[in-house]
Amino acid sequence: GGEVGNSVTTDNTKRYRISSKDSLSG
Protein backbone atom coordinates (compact mmCIF):
# COMPACT_ATOMS: atom_id res chain seq x y z
CA GLY A 1 0.00 0.00 0.00
CA GLY A 2 3.02 2.29 -0.12
CA GLU A 3 3.26 5.47 -2.19
CA VAL A 4 6.57 7.27 -2.44
CA GLY A 5 6.23 9.36 -5.57
CA ASN A 6 9.56 10.84 -6.71
CA SER A 7 10.88 11.76 -3.30
CA VAL A 8 13.95 10.16 -1.88
CA THR A 9 13.07 7.93 1.03
CA THR A 10 14.55 7.99 4.49
CA ASP A 11 17.60 6.05 5.57
CA ASN A 12 15.33 3.68 7.48
CA THR A 13 13.78 2.34 4.29
CA LYS A 14 14.78 -1.25 3.57
CA ARG A 15 16.61 -1.69 0.26
CA TYR A 16 17.46 -4.66 -1.95
CA ARG A 17 20.38 -4.49 -4.40
CA ILE A 18 19.60 -6.02 -7.79
CA SER A 19 22.28 -8.63 -8.48
CA SER A 20 21.10 -12.23 -7.98
CA LYS A 21 20.07 -14.21 -11.04
CA ASP A 22 18.53 -17.58 -11.72
CA SER A 23 17.66 -19.41 -14.93
CA LEU A 24 14.37 -20.83 -16.20
CA SER A 25 13.66 -23.34 -18.95
CA GLY A 26 10.96 -22.22 -21.33
PDB file of all heavy atoms in Angstrom:
ATOM      1  N   GLY A   1       0.809  -1.225   0.000  1.00  0.00           N
ATOM      2  CA  GLY A   1       0.000   0.000   0.000  1.00  0.00           C
ATOM      3  C   GLY A   1       0.829   1.255   0.000  1.00  0.00           C
ATOM      4  O   GLY A   1       0.306   2.347   0.182  1.00  0.00           O
ATOM      5  N   GLY A   2       2.136   1.131  -0.213  1.00  0.00           N
ATOM      6  CA  GLY A   2       3.024   2.287  -0.116  1.00  0.00           C
ATOM      7  C   GLY A   2       2.978   3.182  -1.327  1.00  0.00           C
ATOM      8  O   GLY A   2       2.734   2.754  -2.441  1.00  0.00           O
ATOM      9  N   GLU A   3       3.169   4.493  -1.107  1.00  0.00           N
ATOM     10  CA  GLU A   3       3.264   5.470  -2.192  1.00  0.00           C
ATOM     11  C   GLU A   3       4.426   6.392  -1.845  1.00  0.00           C
ATOM     12  O   GLU A   3       4.441   7.020  -0.797  1.00  0.00           O
ATOM     13  CB  GLU A   3       1.968   6.292  -2.307  1.00  0.00           C
ATOM     14  CG  GLU A   3       0.737   5.485  -2.700  1.00  0.00           C
ATOM     15  CD  GLU A   3       0.686   5.162  -4.171  1.00  0.00           C
ATOM     16  OE1 GLU A   3       1.535   5.683  -4.927  1.00  0.00           O
ATOM     17  OE2 GLU A   3      -0.195   4.398  -4.579  1.00  0.00           O
ATOM     18  N   VAL A   4       5.414   6.421  -2.748  1.00  0.00           N
ATOM     19  CA  VAL A   4       6.569   7.272  -2.439  1.00  0.00           C
ATOM     20  C   VAL A   4       6.764   8.393  -3.443  1.00  0.00           C
ATOM     21  O   VAL A   4       7.546   9.306  -3.227  1.00  0.00           O
ATOM     22  CB  VAL A   4       7.860   6.427  -2.364  1.00  0.00           C
ATOM     23  CG1 VAL A   4       7.757   5.410  -1.259  1.00  0.00           C
ATOM     24  CG2 VAL A   4       8.154   5.767  -3.694  1.00  0.00           C
ATOM     25  N   GLY A   5       6.071   8.317  -4.561  1.00  0.00           N
ATOM     26  CA  GLY A   5       6.230   9.358  -5.574  1.00  0.00           C
ATOM     27  C   GLY A   5       7.660   9.421  -6.061  1.00  0.00           C
ATOM     28  O   GLY A   5       8.295   8.411  -6.272  1.00  0.00           O
ATOM     29  N   ASN A   6       8.185  10.672  -6.244  1.00  0.00           N
ATOM     30  CA  ASN A   6       9.562  10.837  -6.714  1.00  0.00           C
ATOM     31  C   ASN A   6      10.508  11.277  -5.599  1.00  0.00           C
ATOM     32  O   ASN A   6      11.650  11.630  -5.852  1.00  0.00           O
ATOM     33  CB  ASN A   6       9.610  11.878  -7.842  1.00  0.00           C
ATOM     34  CG  ASN A   6       8.972  11.339  -9.115  1.00  0.00           C
ATOM     35  OD1 ASN A   6       9.055  10.153  -9.372  1.00  0.00           O
ATOM     36  ND2 ASN A   6       8.349  12.225  -9.882  1.00  0.00           N
ATOM     37  N   SER A   7      10.031  11.297  -4.389  1.00  0.00           N
ATOM     38  CA  SER A   7      10.877  11.764  -3.303  1.00  0.00           C
ATOM     39  C   SER A   7      11.827  10.672  -2.861  1.00  0.00           C
ATOM     40  O   SER A   7      11.527   9.490  -2.930  1.00  0.00           O
ATOM     41  CB  SER A   7      10.006  12.191  -2.122  1.00  0.00           C
ATOM     42  OG  SER A   7       9.257  11.082  -1.658  1.00  0.00           O
ATOM     43  N   VAL A   8      12.959  11.084  -2.400  1.00  0.00           N
ATOM     44  CA  VAL A   8      13.953  10.161  -1.878  1.00  0.00           C
ATOM     45  C   VAL A   8      13.516   9.733  -0.495  1.00  0.00           C
ATOM     46  O   VAL A   8      13.159  10.550   0.347  1.00  0.00           O
ATOM     47  CB  VAL A   8      15.331  10.831  -1.820  1.00  0.00           C
ATOM     48  CG1 VAL A   8      16.354   9.867  -1.251  1.00  0.00           C
ATOM     49  CG2 VAL A   8      15.741  11.303  -3.205  1.00  0.00           C
ATOM     50  N   THR A   9      13.550   8.453  -0.232  1.00  0.00           N
ATOM     51  CA  THR A   9      13.068   7.927   1.034  1.00  0.00           C
ATOM     52  C   THR A   9      14.111   8.095   2.125  1.00  0.00           C
ATOM     53  O   THR A   9      15.254   8.443   1.876  1.00  0.00           O
ATOM     54  CB  THR A   9      12.731   6.438   0.886  1.00  0.00           C
ATOM     55  OG1 THR A   9      13.877   5.744   0.420  1.00  0.00           O
ATOM     56  CG2 THR A   9      11.607   6.251  -0.121  1.00  0.00           C
ATOM     57  N   THR A  10      13.672   7.835   3.336  1.00  0.00           N
ATOM     58  CA  THR A  10      14.551   7.991   4.489  1.00  0.00           C
ATOM     59  C   THR A  10      15.556   6.861   4.548  1.00  0.00           C
ATOM     60  O   THR A  10      15.447   5.837   3.870  1.00  0.00           O
ATOM     61  CB  THR A  10      13.734   7.994   5.791  1.00  0.00           C
ATOM     62  OG1 THR A  10      13.138   6.699   5.948  1.00  0.00           O
ATOM     63  CG2 THR A  10      12.641   9.041   5.711  1.00  0.00           C
ATOM     64  N   ASP A  11      16.541   7.055   5.420  1.00  0.00           N
ATOM     65  CA  ASP A  11      17.597   6.049   5.574  1.00  0.00           C
ATOM     66  C   ASP A  11      17.073   4.767   6.205  1.00  0.00           C
ATOM     67  O   ASP A  11      17.736   3.736   6.172  1.00  0.00           O
ATOM     68  CB  ASP A  11      18.742   6.623   6.431  1.00  0.00           C
ATOM     69  CG  ASP A  11      19.463   7.742   5.702  1.00  0.00           C
ATOM     70  OD1 ASP A  11      19.384   7.760   4.444  1.00  0.00           O
ATOM     71  OD2 ASP A  11      20.084   8.568   6.377  1.00  0.00           O
ATOM     72  N   ASN A  12      15.884   4.876   6.838  1.00  0.00           N
ATOM     73  CA  ASN A  12      15.334   3.679   7.485  1.00  0.00           C
ATOM     74  C   ASN A  12      14.625   2.740   6.514  1.00  0.00           C
ATOM     75  O   ASN A  12      14.235   1.635   6.893  1.00  0.00           O
ATOM     76  CB  ASN A  12      14.344   4.097   8.577  1.00  0.00           C
ATOM     77  CG  ASN A  12      15.043   4.836   9.705  1.00  0.00           C
ATOM     78  OD1 ASN A  12      16.204   4.537  10.018  1.00  0.00           O
ATOM     79  ND2 ASN A  12      14.363   5.791  10.307  1.00  0.00           N
ATOM     80  N   THR A  13      14.459   3.198   5.271  1.00  0.00           N
ATOM     81  CA  THR A  13      13.781   2.340   4.287  1.00  0.00           C
ATOM     82  C   THR A  13      14.662   1.149   3.926  1.00  0.00           C
ATOM     83  O   THR A  13      15.853   1.294   3.636  1.00  0.00           O
ATOM     84  CB  THR A  13      13.465   3.142   3.012  1.00  0.00           C
ATOM     85  OG1 THR A  13      12.678   4.279   3.361  1.00  0.00           O
ATOM     86  CG2 THR A  13      12.718   2.279   2.013  1.00  0.00           C
ATOM     87  N   LYS A  14      14.041  -0.021   3.898  1.00  0.00           N
ATOM     88  CA  LYS A  14      14.783  -1.247   3.572  1.00  0.00           C
ATOM     89  C   LYS A  14      15.001  -1.324   2.071  1.00  0.00           C
ATOM     90  O   LYS A  14      14.092  -1.085   1.282  1.00  0.00           O
ATOM     91  CB  LYS A  14      14.001  -2.468   4.072  1.00  0.00           C
ATOM     92  CG  LYS A  14      14.769  -3.767   4.020  1.00  0.00           C
ATOM     93  CD  LYS A  14      13.945  -4.892   4.623  1.00  0.00           C
ATOM     94  CE  LYS A  14      14.715  -6.209   4.557  1.00  0.00           C
ATOM     95  NZ  LYS A  14      13.920  -7.331   5.131  1.00  0.00           N
ATOM     96  N   ARG A  15      16.240  -1.652   1.666  1.00  0.00           N
ATOM     97  CA  ARG A  15      16.608  -1.687   0.259  1.00  0.00           C
ATOM     98  C   ARG A  15      17.113  -3.085  -0.133  1.00  0.00           C
ATOM     99  O   ARG A  15      17.667  -3.801   0.691  1.00  0.00           O
ATOM    100  CB  ARG A  15      17.699  -0.657  -0.050  1.00  0.00           C
ATOM    101  CG  ARG A  15      17.232   0.784   0.039  1.00  0.00           C
ATOM    102  CD  ARG A  15      18.434   1.705  -0.039  1.00  0.00           C
ATOM    103  NE  ARG A  15      18.038   3.100  -0.183  1.00  0.00           N
ATOM    104  CZ  ARG A  15      17.685   3.867   0.809  1.00  0.00           C
ATOM    105  NH1 ARG A  15      17.663   3.385   2.058  1.00  0.00           N
ATOM    106  NH2 ARG A  15      17.342   5.130   0.593  1.00  0.00           N
ATOM    107  N   TYR A  16      16.928  -3.398  -1.406  1.00  0.00           N
ATOM    108  CA  TYR A  16      17.464  -4.657  -1.950  1.00  0.00           C
ATOM    109  C   TYR A  16      18.261  -4.328  -3.204  1.00  0.00           C
ATOM    110  O   TYR A  16      17.745  -3.711  -4.139  1.00  0.00           O
ATOM    111  CB  TYR A  16      16.341  -5.636  -2.289  1.00  0.00           C
ATOM    112  CG  TYR A  16      16.815  -6.884  -3.002  1.00  0.00           C
ATOM    113  CD1 TYR A  16      17.395  -7.931  -2.282  1.00  0.00           C
ATOM    114  CD2 TYR A  16      16.687  -7.019  -4.386  1.00  0.00           C
ATOM    115  CE1 TYR A  16      17.842  -9.081  -2.936  1.00  0.00           C
ATOM    116  CE2 TYR A  16      17.134  -8.163  -5.040  1.00  0.00           C
ATOM    117  CZ  TYR A  16      17.712  -9.191  -4.312  1.00  0.00           C
ATOM    118  OH  TYR A  16      18.162 -10.324  -4.949  1.00  0.00           O
ATOM    119  N   ARG A  17      19.512  -4.762  -3.245  1.00  0.00           N
ATOM    120  CA  ARG A  17      20.379  -4.487  -4.396  1.00  0.00           C
ATOM    121  C   ARG A  17      20.156  -5.550  -5.467  1.00  0.00           C
ATOM    122  O   ARG A  17      20.256  -6.749  -5.222  1.00  0.00           O
ATOM    123  CB  ARG A  17      21.842  -4.483  -3.964  1.00  0.00           C
ATOM    124  CG  ARG A  17      22.808  -4.042  -5.062  1.00  0.00           C
ATOM    125  CD  ARG A  17      24.222  -3.933  -4.504  1.00  0.00           C
ATOM    126  NE  ARG A  17      25.148  -3.444  -5.510  1.00  0.00           N
ATOM    127  CZ  ARG A  17      25.810  -4.225  -6.360  1.00  0.00           C
ATOM    128  NH1 ARG A  17      25.649  -5.540  -6.301  1.00  0.00           N
ATOM    129  NH2 ARG A  17      26.651  -3.693  -7.240  1.00  0.00           N
ATOM    130  N   ILE A  18      19.862  -5.106  -6.686  1.00  0.00           N
ATOM    131  CA  ILE A  18      19.596  -6.020  -7.793  1.00  0.00           C
ATOM    132  C   ILE A  18      20.906  -6.642  -8.261  1.00  0.00           C
ATOM    133  O   ILE A  18      21.785  -5.948  -8.786  1.00  0.00           O
ATOM    134  CB  ILE A  18      18.925  -5.284  -8.975  1.00  0.00           C
ATOM    135  CG1 ILE A  18      17.626  -4.628  -8.518  1.00  0.00           C
ATOM    136  CG2 ILE A  18      18.684  -6.232 -10.134  1.00  0.00           C
ATOM    137  CD1 ILE A  18      17.013  -3.736  -9.580  1.00  0.00           C
ATOM    138  N   SER A  19      21.044  -7.958  -8.061  1.00  0.00           N
ATOM    139  CA  SER A  19      22.278  -8.630  -8.479  1.00  0.00           C
ATOM    140  C   SER A  19      22.066 -10.135  -8.723  1.00  0.00           C
ATOM    141  O   SER A  19      22.633 -10.696  -9.657  1.00  0.00           O
ATOM    142  CB  SER A  19      23.380  -8.445  -7.430  1.00  0.00           C
ATOM    143  OG  SER A  19      22.963  -8.976  -6.177  1.00  0.00           O
ATOM    144  N   SER A  20      21.263 -10.774  -7.889  1.00  0.00           N
ATOM    145  CA  SER A  20      21.100 -12.231  -7.977  1.00  0.00           C
ATOM    146  C   SER A  20      20.295 -12.626  -9.213  1.00  0.00           C
ATOM    147  O   SER A  20      19.289 -11.992  -9.534  1.00  0.00           O
ATOM    148  CB  SER A  20      20.411 -12.764  -6.719  1.00  0.00           C
ATOM    149  OG  SER A  20      21.194 -12.506  -5.575  1.00  0.00           O
ATOM    150  N   LYS A  21      20.751 -13.703  -9.860  1.00  0.00           N
ATOM    151  CA  LYS A  21      20.070 -14.211 -11.045  1.00  0.00           C
ATOM    152  C   LYS A  21      19.800 -15.707 -10.891  1.00  0.00           C
ATOM    153  O   LYS A  21      20.465 -16.408 -10.137  1.00  0.00           O
ATOM    154  CB  LYS A  21      20.916 -13.988 -12.305  1.00  0.00           C
ATOM    155  CG  LYS A  21      21.107 -12.542 -12.695  1.00  0.00           C
ATOM    156  CD  LYS A  21      21.955 -12.446 -13.960  1.00  0.00           C
ATOM    157  CE  LYS A  21      22.184 -10.999 -14.358  1.00  0.00           C
ATOM    158  NZ  LYS A  21      23.021 -10.890 -15.593  1.00  0.00           N
ATOM    159  N   ASP A  22      18.821 -16.152 -11.625  1.00  0.00           N
ATOM    160  CA  ASP A  22      18.528 -17.585 -11.722  1.00  0.00           C
ATOM    161  C   ASP A  22      17.983 -17.847 -13.115  1.00  0.00           C
ATOM    162  O   ASP A  22      17.484 -16.934 -13.785  1.00  0.00           O
ATOM    163  CB  ASP A  22      17.521 -18.022 -10.654  1.00  0.00           C
ATOM    164  CG  ASP A  22      17.485 -19.537 -10.492  1.00  0.00           C
ATOM    165  OD1 ASP A  22      18.360 -20.220 -11.070  1.00  0.00           O
ATOM    166  OD2 ASP A  22      16.584 -20.039  -9.801  1.00  0.00           O
ATOM    167  N   SER A  23      18.091 -19.081 -13.566  1.00  0.00           N
ATOM    168  CA  SER A  23      17.656 -19.413 -14.928  1.00  0.00           C
ATOM    169  C   SER A  23      16.357 -20.200 -14.912  1.00  0.00           C
ATOM    170  O   SER A  23      16.044 -20.901 -13.947  1.00  0.00           O
ATOM    171  CB  SER A  23      18.739 -20.210 -15.655  1.00  0.00           C
ATOM    172  OG  SER A  23      18.998 -21.423 -14.965  1.00  0.00           O
ATOM    173  N   LEU A  24      15.603 -20.077 -16.002  1.00  0.00           N
ATOM    174  CA  LEU A  24      14.371 -20.828 -16.203  1.00  0.00           C
ATOM    175  C   LEU A  24      14.409 -21.486 -17.577  1.00  0.00           C
ATOM    176  O   LEU A  24      14.929 -20.908 -18.537  1.00  0.00           O
ATOM    177  CB  LEU A  24      13.142 -19.912 -16.133  1.00  0.00           C
ATOM    178  CG  LEU A  24      12.780 -19.288 -14.790  1.00  0.00           C
ATOM    179  CD1 LEU A  24      11.619 -18.321 -14.977  1.00  0.00           C
ATOM    180  CD2 LEU A  24      12.417 -20.366 -13.780  1.00  0.00           C
ATOM    181  N   SER A  25      13.862 -22.692 -17.657  1.00  0.00           N
ATOM    182  CA  SER A  25      13.660 -23.338 -18.954  1.00  0.00           C
ATOM    183  C   SER A  25      12.296 -22.921 -19.478  1.00  0.00           C
ATOM    184  O   SER A  25      11.326 -22.824 -18.724  1.00  0.00           O
ATOM    185  CB  SER A  25      13.714 -24.861 -18.815  1.00  0.00           C
ATOM    186  OG  SER A  25      15.006 -25.283 -18.435  1.00  0.00           O
ATOM    187  N   GLY A  26      12.230 -22.656 -20.774  1.00  0.00           N
ATOM    188  CA  GLY A  26      10.964 -22.216 -21.334  1.00  0.00           C
ATOM    189  C   GLY A  26      10.950 -22.261 -22.848  1.00  0.00           C
ATOM    190  O   GLY A  26      11.883 -22.775 -23.486  1.00  0.00           O
TER     191      GLY A  26
END
